[in-house]
């Protein structure tokens, strides 16, 4: 389950991707090894983000 900080950061990134950049989001999931929230986006699935539990974006 994502942390509250991860969800707040996810909302900001999702807004920027979809509303400002008009990029589709293909996948959002939790990495079972690191507990980071993973986002795969972009027309060609070329945009990747990882959000750590303390809201750091990798």
N, C-alpha and C. Protein backbone atom coordinates (compact mmCIF):
# COMPACT_ATOMS: atom_id res chain seq x y z
N UNK A 1 0.84 -1.17 0.00
CA UNK A 1 0.00 0.00 0.00
C UNK A 1 0.89 1.25 0.00
N UNK A 2 0.64 2.21 -0.90
CA UNK A 2 1.47 3.41 -0.94
C UNK A 2 1.28 4.28 0.31
N UNK A 3 2.32 5.00 0.66
CA UNK A 3 2.24 5.92 1.79
C UNK A 3 1.47 7.17 1.38
N UNK A 4 1.08 7.94 2.37
CA UNK A 4 0.36 9.18 2.10
C UNK A 4 1.22 10.14 1.27
N UNK A 5 2.51 10.21 1.57
CA UNK A 5 3.43 11.07 0.83
C UNK A 5 3.55 10.62 -0.63
N UNK A 6 3.60 9.32 -0.86
CA UNK A 6 3.67 8.80 -2.23
C UNK A 6 2.40 9.15 -3.00
N UNK A 7 1.24 9.03 -2.37
CA UNK A 7 -0.01 9.34 -3.05
C UNK A 7 -0.11 10.83 -3.42
N UNK A 8 0.36 11.69 -2.52
CA UNK A 8 0.34 13.13 -2.83
C UNK A 8 1.25 13.45 -4.00
N UNK A 9 2.42 12.83 -4.03
CA UNK A 9 3.35 13.04 -5.13
C UNK A 9 2.79 12.44 -6.43
N UNK A 10 2.16 11.27 -6.34
CA UNK A 10 1.54 10.64 -7.51
C UNK A 10 0.49 11.56 -8.11
N UNK A 11 -0.32 12.19 -7.29
CA UNK A 11 -1.34 13.10 -7.79
C UNK A 11 -0.71 14.25 -8.58
N UNK A 12 0.36 14.83 -8.04
CA UNK A 12 1.04 15.94 -8.72
C UNK A 12 1.62 15.50 -10.06
N UNK A 13 2.29 14.36 -10.07
CA UNK A 13 2.89 13.86 -11.32
C UNK A 13 1.82 13.50 -12.33
N UNK A 14 0.75 12.83 -11.89
CA UNK A 14 -0.32 12.44 -12.80
C UNK A 14 -0.98 13.68 -13.41
N UNK A 15 -1.19 14.71 -12.63
CA UNK A 15 -1.76 15.95 -13.13
C UNK A 15 -0.86 16.57 -14.20
N UNK A 16 0.42 16.65 -13.92
CA UNK A 16 1.35 17.24 -14.88
C UNK A 16 1.44 16.42 -16.15
N UNK A 17 1.49 15.11 -16.03
CA UNK A 17 1.58 14.25 -17.21
C UNK A 17 0.33 14.36 -18.09
N UNK A 18 -0.84 14.27 -17.48
CA UNK A 18 -2.07 14.18 -18.27
C UNK A 18 -2.63 15.53 -18.67
N UNK A 19 -2.63 16.50 -17.77
CA UNK A 19 -3.27 17.78 -18.05
C UNK A 19 -2.34 18.78 -18.74
N UNK A 20 -1.09 18.82 -18.32
CA UNK A 20 -0.16 19.81 -18.88
C UNK A 20 0.63 19.27 -20.08
N UNK A 21 1.05 18.00 -20.01
CA UNK A 21 1.89 17.43 -21.07
C UNK A 21 1.12 16.53 -22.03
N UNK A 22 -0.15 16.22 -21.71
CA UNK A 22 -1.01 15.36 -22.54
C UNK A 22 -0.37 14.01 -22.85
N UNK A 23 0.22 13.38 -21.82
CA UNK A 23 0.87 12.07 -21.95
C UNK A 23 0.01 11.02 -21.25
N UNK A 24 -0.17 9.86 -21.86
CA UNK A 24 -0.94 8.80 -21.19
C UNK A 24 -0.12 8.12 -20.09
N UNK A 25 -0.81 7.64 -19.09
CA UNK A 25 -0.19 6.84 -18.03
C UNK A 25 -0.59 5.39 -18.28
N UNK A 26 0.40 4.52 -18.41
CA UNK A 26 0.14 3.12 -18.75
C UNK A 26 0.10 2.21 -17.53
N UNK A 27 0.91 2.51 -16.51
CA UNK A 27 1.02 1.60 -15.38
C UNK A 27 1.40 2.37 -14.13
N UNK A 28 0.75 2.03 -13.02
CA UNK A 28 1.12 2.52 -11.69
C UNK A 28 1.12 1.31 -10.78
N UNK A 29 2.25 1.03 -10.13
CA UNK A 29 2.30 -0.13 -9.23
C UNK A 29 3.36 0.09 -8.15
N UNK A 30 3.30 -0.75 -7.13
CA UNK A 30 4.28 -0.74 -6.05
C UNK A 30 5.33 -1.81 -6.34
N UNK A 31 6.61 -1.42 -6.31
CA UNK A 31 7.71 -2.38 -6.46
C UNK A 31 7.81 -3.17 -5.15
N UNK A 32 7.59 -4.46 -5.22
CA UNK A 32 7.59 -5.29 -4.02
C UNK A 32 8.92 -5.36 -3.31
N UNK A 33 10.01 -5.13 -4.03
CA UNK A 33 11.34 -5.20 -3.41
C UNK A 33 11.67 -3.94 -2.64
N UNK A 34 11.36 -2.77 -3.22
CA UNK A 34 11.77 -1.49 -2.63
C UNK A 34 10.63 -0.72 -1.98
N UNK A 35 9.39 -1.12 -2.24
CA UNK A 35 8.19 -0.42 -1.79
C UNK A 35 8.06 0.97 -2.42
N UNK A 36 8.79 1.21 -3.53
CA UNK A 36 8.65 2.45 -4.28
C UNK A 36 7.44 2.36 -5.20
N UNK A 37 6.80 3.48 -5.42
CA UNK A 37 5.68 3.57 -6.34
C UNK A 37 6.26 3.82 -7.73
N UNK A 38 5.90 2.97 -8.70
CA UNK A 38 6.45 3.04 -10.05
C UNK A 38 5.38 3.54 -11.00
N UNK A 39 5.75 4.48 -11.88
CA UNK A 39 4.84 5.04 -12.89
C UNK A 39 5.49 4.89 -14.26
N UNK A 40 4.74 4.32 -15.20
CA UNK A 40 5.18 4.19 -16.58
C UNK A 40 4.22 5.01 -17.44
N UNK A 41 4.76 5.97 -18.20
CA UNK A 41 3.91 6.88 -18.97
C UNK A 41 4.56 7.23 -20.30
N UNK A 42 3.83 7.99 -21.11
CA UNK A 42 4.34 8.48 -22.38
C UNK A 42 3.74 7.75 -23.56
N UNK A 43 3.75 8.39 -24.71
CA UNK A 43 3.20 7.80 -25.93
C UNK A 43 3.88 6.48 -26.27
N UNK A 44 5.18 6.42 -26.09
CA UNK A 44 5.96 5.22 -26.39
C UNK A 44 6.42 4.52 -25.11
N UNK A 45 5.76 4.80 -24.01
CA UNK A 45 6.11 4.24 -22.69
C UNK A 45 7.57 4.56 -22.33
N UNK A 46 8.00 5.78 -22.66
CA UNK A 46 9.40 6.16 -22.43
C UNK A 46 9.62 6.97 -21.16
N UNK A 47 8.57 7.29 -20.44
CA UNK A 47 8.69 8.09 -19.22
C UNK A 47 8.51 7.17 -18.01
N UNK A 48 9.49 7.16 -17.12
CA UNK A 48 9.43 6.32 -15.92
C UNK A 48 9.74 7.17 -14.69
N UNK A 49 8.97 6.94 -13.63
CA UNK A 49 9.20 7.59 -12.34
C UNK A 49 9.16 6.52 -11.26
N UNK A 50 9.92 6.75 -10.21
CA UNK A 50 9.80 5.98 -8.97
C UNK A 50 9.70 6.98 -7.84
N UNK A 51 8.73 6.76 -6.96
CA UNK A 51 8.53 7.64 -5.81
C UNK A 51 8.82 6.81 -4.55
N UNK A 52 9.80 7.26 -3.78
CA UNK A 52 10.16 6.56 -2.55
C UNK A 52 9.16 6.89 -1.45
N UNK A 53 9.26 6.18 -0.35
CA UNK A 53 8.33 6.39 0.77
C UNK A 53 8.40 7.80 1.34
N UNK A 54 9.54 8.47 1.22
CA UNK A 54 9.67 9.83 1.74
C UNK A 54 9.51 10.89 0.64
N UNK A 55 8.85 10.52 -0.46
CA UNK A 55 8.43 11.42 -1.54
C UNK A 55 9.57 11.85 -2.46
N UNK A 56 10.68 11.17 -2.44
CA UNK A 56 11.76 11.47 -3.36
C UNK A 56 11.43 10.84 -4.71
N UNK A 57 11.58 11.62 -5.79
CA UNK A 57 11.28 11.12 -7.13
C UNK A 57 12.59 10.73 -7.81
N UNK A 58 12.63 9.49 -8.27
CA UNK A 58 13.83 8.98 -8.95
C UNK A 58 13.58 8.88 -10.44
